[in-house]
Amino acid sequence: MAKKSQKKKKGKSWQETKFSLRIFLRDYTLPLATIFTIISIILIVLSSLALLIYDKHADWLPSPLQDWVGFIHGKAKTNTQQYDLCLMPGGILLLLFTGWYMGYGIWQRNRFKKFMETESKSEFLENLDEVEKLAWDISSKAEMLVVEKKEELGIDKKKR
């Protein structure tokens, strides 16, 4: 019997990659939601200009903006796609989705900050489960702040 040669795995396993992606998305949810909210507002503005102004008053728009709006409206040929009809509802849906994520992230951070400002050990212990859940939802940095706060107040896992 010949020995089977085992190949060494290069890189991370699928589970490690999936976990790393979850951590990355958790840590950067608020900045990503903010970026996509800004992008959705730009899409809504450009598609609104293309739908409402471009056909009758294209000369009102400055040159680079006129080119972008013209592309979105499909000015190149008569049979080209009009992206403005898709970008308007798509931008609105993206704004609703990312705006909710951004607002929820800000609300979570404010709530976490309020819990972390307490100096009372009993009050902190009373809300510890919620604080830990909020820290897990917010970021790795927030988790470390909870650990530091526990050490500062002298809270041990065994005593809970």
N, C-alpha and C. Protein backbone atom coordinates (compact mmCIF):
# COMPACT_ATOMS: atom_id res chain seq x y z
N MET A 1 0.83 -1.18 0.00
CA MET A 1 0.00 0.00 0.00
C MET A 1 0.88 1.24 0.00
N ALA A 2 0.59 2.06 -0.87
CA ALA A 2 1.32 3.33 -0.95
C ALA A 2 0.65 4.36 -0.04
N LYS A 3 1.49 5.16 0.54
CA LYS A 3 0.95 6.21 1.39
C LYS A 3 0.33 7.29 0.52
N LYS A 4 -0.80 7.75 1.00
CA LYS A 4 -1.45 8.84 0.28
C LYS A 4 -0.76 10.14 0.67
N SER A 5 -0.42 10.88 -0.33
CA SER A 5 0.21 12.17 -0.03
C SER A 5 -0.88 13.18 0.33
N GLN A 6 -0.63 13.84 1.39
CA GLN A 6 -1.60 14.84 1.83
C GLN A 6 -1.11 16.22 1.42
N LYS A 7 -2.03 16.94 0.80
CA LYS A 7 -1.69 18.29 0.38
C LYS A 7 -1.96 19.24 1.54
N LYS A 8 -1.04 20.14 1.73
CA LYS A 8 -1.25 21.16 2.75
C LYS A 8 -2.18 22.22 2.19
N LYS A 9 -3.10 22.62 3.04
CA LYS A 9 -4.01 23.68 2.63
C LYS A 9 -3.27 25.01 2.67
N LYS A 10 -3.52 25.79 1.66
CA LYS A 10 -2.96 27.14 1.63
C LYS A 10 -4.08 28.11 1.94
N GLY A 11 -3.81 29.05 2.80
CA GLY A 11 -4.81 30.06 3.11
C GLY A 11 -5.77 29.57 4.18
N LYS A 12 -6.90 30.28 4.25
CA LYS A 12 -7.90 30.01 5.28
C LYS A 12 -8.94 29.02 4.79
N SER A 13 -9.56 28.34 5.74
CA SER A 13 -10.67 27.47 5.38
C SER A 13 -11.90 28.35 5.13
N TRP A 14 -12.95 27.73 4.60
CA TRP A 14 -14.17 28.47 4.31
C TRP A 14 -14.77 29.06 5.59
N GLN A 15 -14.76 28.31 6.67
CA GLN A 15 -15.32 28.79 7.93
C GLN A 15 -14.55 30.01 8.45
N GLU A 16 -13.21 29.95 8.35
CA GLU A 16 -12.40 31.09 8.80
C GLU A 16 -12.63 32.31 7.92
N THR A 17 -12.76 32.11 6.62
CA THR A 17 -13.03 33.21 5.71
C THR A 17 -14.39 33.83 5.99
N LYS A 18 -15.39 32.98 6.20
CA LYS A 18 -16.73 33.47 6.49
C LYS A 18 -16.75 34.26 7.79
N PHE A 19 -16.05 33.77 8.80
CA PHE A 19 -15.98 34.48 10.09
C PHE A 19 -15.26 35.82 9.93
N SER A 20 -14.17 35.83 9.18
CA SER A 20 -13.43 37.08 8.95
C SER A 20 -14.29 38.10 8.22
N LEU A 21 -15.08 37.64 7.25
CA LEU A 21 -15.97 38.53 6.52
C LEU A 21 -17.05 39.11 7.44
N ARG A 22 -17.60 38.26 8.31
CA ARG A 22 -18.61 38.73 9.27
C ARG A 22 -18.04 39.78 10.21
N ILE A 23 -16.82 39.56 10.68
CA ILE A 23 -16.18 40.53 11.57
C ILE A 23 -15.93 41.84 10.82
N PHE A 24 -15.43 41.75 9.58
CA PHE A 24 -15.20 42.95 8.77
C PHE A 24 -16.48 43.73 8.56
N LEU A 25 -17.54 43.05 8.17
CA LEU A 25 -18.82 43.73 7.93
C LEU A 25 -19.38 44.33 9.22
N ARG A 26 -19.21 43.64 10.33
CA ARG A 26 -19.69 44.15 11.61
C ARG A 26 -18.93 45.42 11.99
N ASP A 27 -17.61 45.41 11.81
CA ASP A 27 -16.80 46.56 12.21
C ASP A 27 -17.02 47.77 11.30
N TYR A 28 -17.36 47.54 10.05
CA TYR A 28 -17.48 48.63 9.09
C TYR A 28 -18.90 48.83 8.56
N THR A 29 -19.91 48.39 9.30
CA THR A 29 -21.29 48.55 8.86
C THR A 29 -21.67 50.02 8.76
N LEU A 30 -21.36 50.80 9.76
CA LEU A 30 -21.74 52.22 9.75
C LEU A 30 -21.05 53.00 8.64
N PRO A 31 -19.74 52.88 8.44
CA PRO A 31 -19.12 53.60 7.31
C PRO A 31 -19.65 53.14 5.95
N LEU A 32 -19.85 51.82 5.79
CA LEU A 32 -20.38 51.33 4.52
C LEU A 32 -21.81 51.82 4.28
N ALA A 33 -22.63 51.82 5.32
CA ALA A 33 -24.00 52.31 5.18
C ALA A 33 -24.00 53.79 4.83
N THR A 34 -23.09 54.56 5.42
CA THR A 34 -22.99 55.98 5.12
C THR A 34 -22.58 56.21 3.66
N ILE A 35 -21.61 55.46 3.20
CA ILE A 35 -21.15 55.58 1.81
C ILE A 35 -22.28 55.24 0.85
N PHE A 36 -22.97 54.13 1.10
CA PHE A 36 -24.05 53.73 0.20
C PHE A 36 -25.26 54.67 0.29
N THR A 37 -25.47 55.32 1.42
CA THR A 37 -26.53 56.32 1.53
C THR A 37 -26.20 57.52 0.66
N ILE A 38 -24.96 57.95 0.69
CA ILE A 38 -24.53 59.07 -0.16
C ILE A 38 -24.66 58.70 -1.63
N ILE A 39 -24.25 57.49 -1.99
CA ILE A 39 -24.36 57.03 -3.38
C ILE A 39 -25.82 57.01 -3.81
N SER A 40 -26.71 56.54 -2.94
CA SER A 40 -28.13 56.48 -3.32
C SER A 40 -28.71 57.88 -3.50
N ILE A 41 -28.28 58.83 -2.70
CA ILE A 41 -28.76 60.22 -2.87
C ILE A 41 -28.26 60.77 -4.21
N ILE A 42 -27.02 60.49 -4.56
CA ILE A 42 -26.48 60.93 -5.85
C ILE A 42 -27.27 60.30 -7.00
N LEU A 43 -27.58 59.00 -6.89
CA LEU A 43 -28.37 58.33 -7.93
C LEU A 43 -29.76 58.96 -8.07
N ILE A 44 -30.37 59.27 -6.97
CA ILE A 44 -31.71 59.88 -7.01
C ILE A 44 -31.65 61.26 -7.65
N VAL A 45 -30.65 62.05 -7.29
CA VAL A 45 -30.53 63.40 -7.86
C VAL A 45 -30.26 63.33 -9.36
N LEU A 46 -29.31 62.50 -9.77
CA LEU A 46 -29.01 62.40 -11.20
C LEU A 46 -30.18 61.87 -12.02
N SER A 47 -30.86 60.86 -11.51
CA SER A 47 -32.00 60.34 -12.27
C SER A 47 -33.16 61.32 -12.27
N SER A 48 -33.32 62.10 -11.21
CA SER A 48 -34.36 63.14 -11.20
C SER A 48 -34.06 64.22 -12.23
N LEU A 49 -32.79 64.62 -12.31
CA LEU A 49 -32.41 65.60 -13.32
C LEU A 49 -32.64 65.05 -14.72
N ALA A 50 -32.32 63.77 -14.92
CA ALA A 50 -32.50 63.16 -16.23
C ALA A 50 -33.98 63.07 -16.60
N LEU A 51 -34.82 62.74 -15.64
CA LEU A 51 -36.24 62.60 -15.93
C LEU A 51 -36.94 63.94 -16.10
N LEU A 52 -36.60 64.90 -15.26
CA LEU A 52 -37.38 66.13 -15.20
C LEU A 52 -36.81 67.29 -16.03
N ILE A 53 -35.50 67.40 -16.13
CA ILE A 53 -34.92 68.59 -16.74
C ILE A 53 -34.27 68.32 -18.09
N TYR A 54 -33.69 67.16 -18.29
CA TYR A 54 -32.80 66.97 -19.44
C TYR A 54 -33.49 67.18 -20.78
N ASP A 55 -34.68 66.70 -20.97
CA ASP A 55 -35.34 66.81 -22.27
C ASP A 55 -35.61 68.26 -22.68
N LYS A 56 -36.05 69.08 -21.75
CA LYS A 56 -36.46 70.44 -22.11
C LYS A 56 -35.38 71.48 -21.85
N HIS A 57 -34.61 71.31 -20.80
CA HIS A 57 -33.66 72.36 -20.40
C HIS A 57 -32.28 71.78 -20.11
N ALA A 58 -31.72 71.04 -21.02
CA ALA A 58 -30.41 70.43 -20.80
C ALA A 58 -29.32 71.49 -20.70
N ASP A 59 -29.51 72.63 -21.32
CA ASP A 59 -28.49 73.69 -21.29
C ASP A 59 -28.39 74.36 -19.93
N TRP A 60 -29.31 74.13 -19.04
CA TRP A 60 -29.25 74.68 -17.69
C TRP A 60 -28.15 74.01 -16.85
N LEU A 61 -27.82 72.78 -17.21
CA LEU A 61 -26.87 72.00 -16.42
C LEU A 61 -25.43 72.32 -16.82
N PRO A 62 -24.50 72.36 -15.86
CA PRO A 62 -23.08 72.55 -16.21
C PRO A 62 -22.58 71.37 -17.05
N SER A 63 -21.48 71.57 -17.75
CA SER A 63 -20.98 70.62 -18.74
C SER A 63 -20.78 69.19 -18.21
N PRO A 64 -19.98 68.96 -17.14
CA PRO A 64 -19.80 67.56 -16.73
C PRO A 64 -21.11 66.92 -16.24
N LEU A 65 -21.90 67.71 -15.53
CA LEU A 65 -23.18 67.19 -15.05
C LEU A 65 -24.12 66.89 -16.21
N GLN A 66 -24.06 67.72 -17.24
CA GLN A 66 -24.89 67.51 -18.42
C GLN A 66 -24.51 66.20 -19.12
N ASP A 67 -23.23 65.87 -19.17
CA ASP A 67 -22.78 64.62 -19.79
C ASP A 67 -23.25 63.41 -18.98
N TRP A 68 -23.11 63.48 -17.66
CA TRP A 68 -23.54 62.36 -16.81
C TRP A 68 -25.04 62.14 -16.90
N VAL A 69 -25.78 63.23 -16.81
CA VAL A 69 -27.24 63.13 -16.88
C VAL A 69 -27.67 62.66 -18.27
N GLY A 70 -26.95 63.12 -19.30
CA GLY A 70 -27.24 62.66 -20.66
C GLY A 70 -27.01 61.17 -20.81
N PHE A 71 -25.94 60.66 -20.23
CA PHE A 71 -25.67 59.21 -20.28
C PHE A 71 -26.78 58.44 -19.58
N ILE A 72 -27.18 58.92 -18.40
CA ILE A 72 -28.23 58.24 -17.64
C ILE A 72 -29.55 58.27 -18.40
N HIS A 73 -29.80 59.38 -19.08
CA HIS A 73 -31.06 59.52 -19.82
C HIS A 73 -31.03 58.81 -21.17
N GLY A 74 -29.85 58.45 -21.67
CA GLY A 74 -29.73 57.73 -22.93
C GLY A 74 -29.73 58.65 -24.13
N LYS A 75 -28.92 59.70 -24.12
CA LYS A 75 -28.92 60.68 -25.20
C LYS A 75 -28.10 60.23 -26.42
N ALA A 76 -27.24 59.23 -26.28
CA ALA A 76 -26.32 58.88 -27.35
C ALA A 76 -27.05 58.45 -28.62
N LYS A 77 -28.03 57.59 -28.50
CA LYS A 77 -28.79 57.10 -29.65
C LYS A 77 -30.26 57.05 -29.26
N THR A 78 -31.09 56.94 -30.22
CA THR A 78 -32.52 56.92 -29.92
C THR A 78 -32.95 55.60 -29.27
N ASN A 79 -32.26 54.51 -29.57
CA ASN A 79 -32.66 53.21 -29.03
C ASN A 79 -31.82 52.77 -27.83
N THR A 80 -31.09 53.68 -27.22
CA THR A 80 -30.26 53.28 -26.07
C THR A 80 -31.11 53.18 -24.82
N GLN A 81 -30.52 52.53 -23.84
CA GLN A 81 -31.21 52.34 -22.56
C GLN A 81 -31.38 53.67 -21.84
N GLN A 82 -32.50 53.80 -21.16
CA GLN A 82 -32.70 54.96 -20.29
C GLN A 82 -32.56 54.46 -18.86
N TYR A 83 -31.39 54.68 -18.29
CA TYR A 83 -31.09 54.18 -16.95
C TYR A 83 -31.84 54.95 -15.87
N ASP A 84 -32.31 56.15 -16.22
CA ASP A 84 -33.00 56.95 -15.21
C ASP A 84 -34.26 56.28 -14.69
N LEU A 85 -34.91 55.50 -15.53
CA LEU A 85 -36.13 54.81 -15.10
C LEU A 85 -35.84 53.70 -14.10
N CYS A 86 -34.62 53.18 -14.09
CA CYS A 86 -34.24 52.13 -13.13
C CYS A 86 -33.52 52.72 -11.92
N LEU A 87 -32.72 53.77 -12.16
CA LEU A 87 -31.93 54.33 -11.07
C LEU A 87 -32.78 55.07 -10.04
N MET A 88 -33.88 55.66 -10.45
CA MET A 88 -34.72 56.38 -9.50
C MET A 88 -35.31 55.43 -8.45
N PRO A 89 -36.06 54.39 -8.83
CA PRO A 89 -36.57 53.48 -7.79
C PRO A 89 -35.46 52.70 -7.09
N GLY A 90 -34.40 52.36 -7.83
CA GLY A 90 -33.28 51.66 -7.20
C GLY A 90 -32.60 52.53 -6.16
N GLY A 91 -32.42 53.81 -6.48
CA GLY A 91 -31.82 54.74 -5.52
C GLY A 91 -32.70 54.93 -4.29
N ILE A 92 -34.02 54.97 -4.51
CA ILE A 92 -34.93 55.13 -3.37
C ILE A 92 -34.88 53.89 -2.47
N LEU A 93 -34.89 52.71 -3.07
CA LEU A 93 -34.80 51.48 -2.27
C LEU A 93 -33.47 51.39 -1.53
N LEU A 94 -32.39 51.74 -2.21
CA LEU A 94 -31.08 51.73 -1.57
C LEU A 94 -31.02 52.74 -0.43
N LEU A 95 -31.63 53.91 -0.62
CA LEU A 95 -31.67 54.92 0.43
C LEU A 95 -32.44 54.42 1.65
N LEU A 96 -33.56 53.76 1.42
CA LEU A 96 -34.34 53.23 2.54
C LEU A 96 -33.54 52.17 3.31
N PHE A 97 -32.94 51.26 2.59
CA PHE A 97 -32.19 50.17 3.20
C PHE A 97 -30.97 50.68 3.96
N THR A 98 -30.13 51.45 3.28
CA THR A 98 -28.90 51.92 3.92
C THR A 98 -29.17 52.99 4.97
N GLY A 99 -30.20 53.79 4.75
CA GLY A 99 -30.57 54.79 5.74
C GLY A 99 -31.01 54.14 7.04
N TRP A 100 -31.77 53.04 6.91
CA TRP A 100 -32.18 52.31 8.11
C TRP A 100 -30.96 51.74 8.83
N TYR A 101 -30.05 51.12 8.09
CA TYR A 101 -28.85 50.56 8.71
C TYR A 101 -28.02 51.65 9.38
N MET A 102 -27.89 52.80 8.73
CA MET A 102 -27.11 53.89 9.30
C MET A 102 -27.78 54.42 10.58
N GLY A 103 -29.08 54.63 10.52
CA GLY A 103 -29.80 55.11 11.70
C GLY A 103 -29.76 54.13 12.85
N TYR A 104 -29.94 52.85 12.54
CA TYR A 104 -29.90 51.81 13.58
C TYR A 104 -28.50 51.71 14.19
N GLY A 105 -27.46 51.85 13.36
CA GLY A 105 -26.09 51.81 13.88
C GLY A 105 -25.80 52.98 14.80
N ILE A 106 -26.29 54.16 14.44
CA ILE A 106 -26.09 55.34 15.29
C ILE A 106 -26.86 55.16 16.60
N TRP A 107 -28.09 54.65 16.52
CA TRP A 107 -28.88 54.42 17.73
C TRP A 107 -28.18 53.42 18.66
N GLN A 108 -27.62 52.32 18.09
CA GLN A 108 -26.90 51.33 18.89
C GLN A 108 -25.69 51.95 19.57
N ARG A 109 -24.94 52.74 18.84
CA ARG A 109 -23.74 53.36 19.41
C ARG A 109 -24.08 54.33 20.53
N ASN A 110 -25.15 55.10 20.35
CA ASN A 110 -25.56 56.04 21.40
C ASN A 110 -26.01 55.28 22.65
N ARG A 111 -26.75 54.21 22.48
CA ARG A 111 -27.21 53.41 23.61
C ARG A 111 -26.02 52.77 24.33
N PHE A 112 -25.08 52.24 23.56
CA PHE A 112 -23.87 51.64 24.13
C PHE A 112 -23.07 52.68 24.91
N LYS A 113 -22.94 53.87 24.33
CA LYS A 113 -22.20 54.94 25.00
C LYS A 113 -22.85 55.30 26.33
N LYS A 114 -24.19 55.33 26.36
CA LYS A 114 -24.91 55.65 27.60
C LYS A 114 -24.64 54.59 28.67
N PHE A 115 -24.66 53.33 28.27
CA PHE A 115 -24.37 52.25 29.23
C PHE A 115 -22.94 52.29 29.72
N MET A 116 -22.00 52.64 28.86
CA MET A 116 -20.60 52.65 29.24
C MET A 116 -20.23 53.83 30.13
N GLU A 117 -21.02 54.88 30.12
CA GLU A 117 -20.73 56.06 30.94
C GLU A 117 -21.10 55.87 32.41
N THR A 118 -21.82 54.81 32.73
CA THR A 118 -22.24 54.60 34.11
C THR A 118 -21.04 54.25 34.99
N GLU A 119 -21.06 54.75 36.20
CA GLU A 119 -20.00 54.46 37.16
C GLU A 119 -20.47 53.46 38.22
N SER A 120 -21.76 53.17 38.22
CA SER A 120 -22.33 52.27 39.21
C SER A 120 -22.13 50.81 38.78
N LYS A 121 -21.50 50.05 39.65
CA LYS A 121 -21.26 48.64 39.35
C LYS A 121 -22.58 47.87 39.26
N SER A 122 -23.52 48.15 40.17
CA SER A 122 -24.79 47.42 40.17
C SER A 122 -25.61 47.73 38.92
N GLU A 123 -25.59 48.98 38.48
CA GLU A 123 -26.33 49.36 37.28
C GLU A 123 -25.70 48.72 36.04
N PHE A 124 -24.35 48.68 36.02
CA PHE A 124 -23.66 48.06 34.90
C PHE A 124 -23.95 46.57 34.85
N LEU A 125 -23.93 45.90 36.03
CA LEU A 125 -24.23 44.48 36.08
C LEU A 125 -25.67 44.20 35.65
N GLU A 126 -26.58 45.08 36.01
CA GLU A 126 -27.98 44.91 35.64
C GLU A 126 -28.16 44.93 34.12
N ASN A 127 -27.38 45.74 33.43
CA ASN A 127 -27.49 45.88 31.99
C ASN A 127 -26.38 45.16 31.23
N LEU A 128 -25.63 44.31 31.89
CA LEU A 128 -24.45 43.69 31.27
C LEU A 128 -24.79 42.86 30.04
N ASP A 129 -25.86 42.10 30.09
CA ASP A 129 -26.22 41.28 28.93
C ASP A 129 -26.50 42.15 27.71
N GLU A 130 -27.23 43.23 27.92
CA GLU A 130 -27.54 44.12 26.80
C GLU A 130 -26.29 44.84 26.30
N VAL A 131 -25.42 45.23 27.23
CA VAL A 131 -24.17 45.91 26.86
C VAL A 131 -23.31 44.97 26.01
N GLU A 132 -23.20 43.72 26.43
CA GLU A 132 -22.39 42.76 25.67
C GLU A 132 -23.00 42.49 24.30
N LYS A 133 -24.32 42.41 24.21
CA LYS A 133 -24.97 42.20 22.92
C LYS A 133 -24.73 43.40 22.01
N LEU A 134 -24.88 44.61 22.56
CA LEU A 134 -24.62 45.82 21.76
C LEU A 134 -23.17 45.86 21.31
N ALA A 135 -22.25 45.50 22.19
CA ALA A 135 -20.83 45.51 21.84
C ALA A 135 -20.55 44.52 20.71
N TRP A 136 -21.18 43.35 20.76
CA TRP A 136 -20.99 42.36 19.70
C TRP A 136 -21.56 42.86 18.38
N ASP A 137 -22.67 43.58 18.44
CA ASP A 137 -23.29 44.10 17.22
C ASP A 137 -22.53 45.28 16.64
N ILE A 138 -21.84 46.05 17.48
CA ILE A 138 -21.21 47.29 17.02
C ILE A 138 -19.84 47.03 16.39
N SER A 139 -18.89 46.56 17.20
CA SER A 139 -17.53 46.36 16.65
C SER A 139 -16.64 45.64 17.64
N SER A 140 -15.46 45.27 17.17
CA SER A 140 -14.46 44.63 18.02
C SER A 140 -13.94 45.61 19.06
N LYS A 141 -13.83 46.88 18.66
CA LYS A 141 -13.37 47.91 19.60
C LYS A 141 -14.34 48.04 20.77
N ALA A 142 -15.64 47.97 20.49
CA ALA A 142 -16.64 48.05 21.56
C ALA A 142 -16.53 46.87 22.50
N GLU A 143 -16.24 45.69 21.96
CA GLU A 143 -16.06 44.51 22.81
C GLU A 143 -14.88 44.71 23.77
N MET A 144 -13.81 45.31 23.26
CA MET A 144 -12.65 45.56 24.12
C MET A 144 -12.97 46.61 25.18
N LEU A 145 -13.81 47.59 24.84
CA LEU A 145 -14.22 48.58 25.83
C LEU A 145 -15.01 47.94 26.97
N VAL A 146 -15.85 46.94 26.65
CA VAL A 146 -16.62 46.24 27.67
C VAL A 146 -15.67 45.47 28.59
N VAL A 147 -14.68 44.81 28.01
CA VAL A 147 -13.71 44.07 28.82
C VAL A 147 -12.96 45.02 29.75
N GLU A 148 -12.56 46.18 29.24
CA GLU A 148 -11.85 47.16 30.06
C GLU A 148 -12.75 47.70 31.17
N LYS A 149 -14.03 47.93 30.86
CA LYS A 149 -14.97 48.43 31.86
C LYS A 149 -15.20 47.39 32.95
N LYS A 150 -15.27 46.12 32.57
CA LYS A 150 -15.41 45.05 33.57
C LYS A 150 -14.21 45.02 34.50
N GLU A 151 -13.01 45.17 33.93
CA GLU A 151 -11.80 45.18 34.77
C GLU A 151 -11.79 46.40 35.68
N GLU A 152 -12.24 47.53 35.15
CA GLU A 152 -12.27 48.77 35.93
C GLU A 152 -13.22 48.66 37.12
N LEU A 153 -14.38 48.02 36.89
CA LEU A 153 -15.35 47.87 37.97
C LEU A 153 -15.12 46.63 38.82
N GLY A 154 -14.15 45.81 38.45
CA GLY A 154 -13.84 44.60 39.22
C GLY A 154 -14.87 43.50 39.07
N ILE A 155 -15.39 43.35 37.87
CA ILE A 155 -16.40 42.32 37.61
C ILE A 155 -15.69 41.10 37.05
N ASP A 156 -15.95 39.95 37.68
CA ASP A 156 -15.37 38.69 37.25
C ASP A 156 -16.51 37.83 36.72
N LYS A 157 -16.24 37.03 35.69
CA LYS A 157 -17.29 36.16 35.14
C LYS A 157 -17.84 35.19 36.17
N LYS A 158 -17.00 34.69 37.03
CA LYS A 158 -17.44 33.70 38.01
C LYS A 158 -18.38 34.30 39.05
N LYS A 159 -18.23 35.57 39.34
CA LYS A 159 -19.06 36.19 40.36
C LYS A 159 -20.42 36.59 39.84
N ARG A 160 -20.63 36.58 38.56
CA ARG A 160 -21.92 36.93 37.99
C ARG A 160 -22.89 35.86 38.31
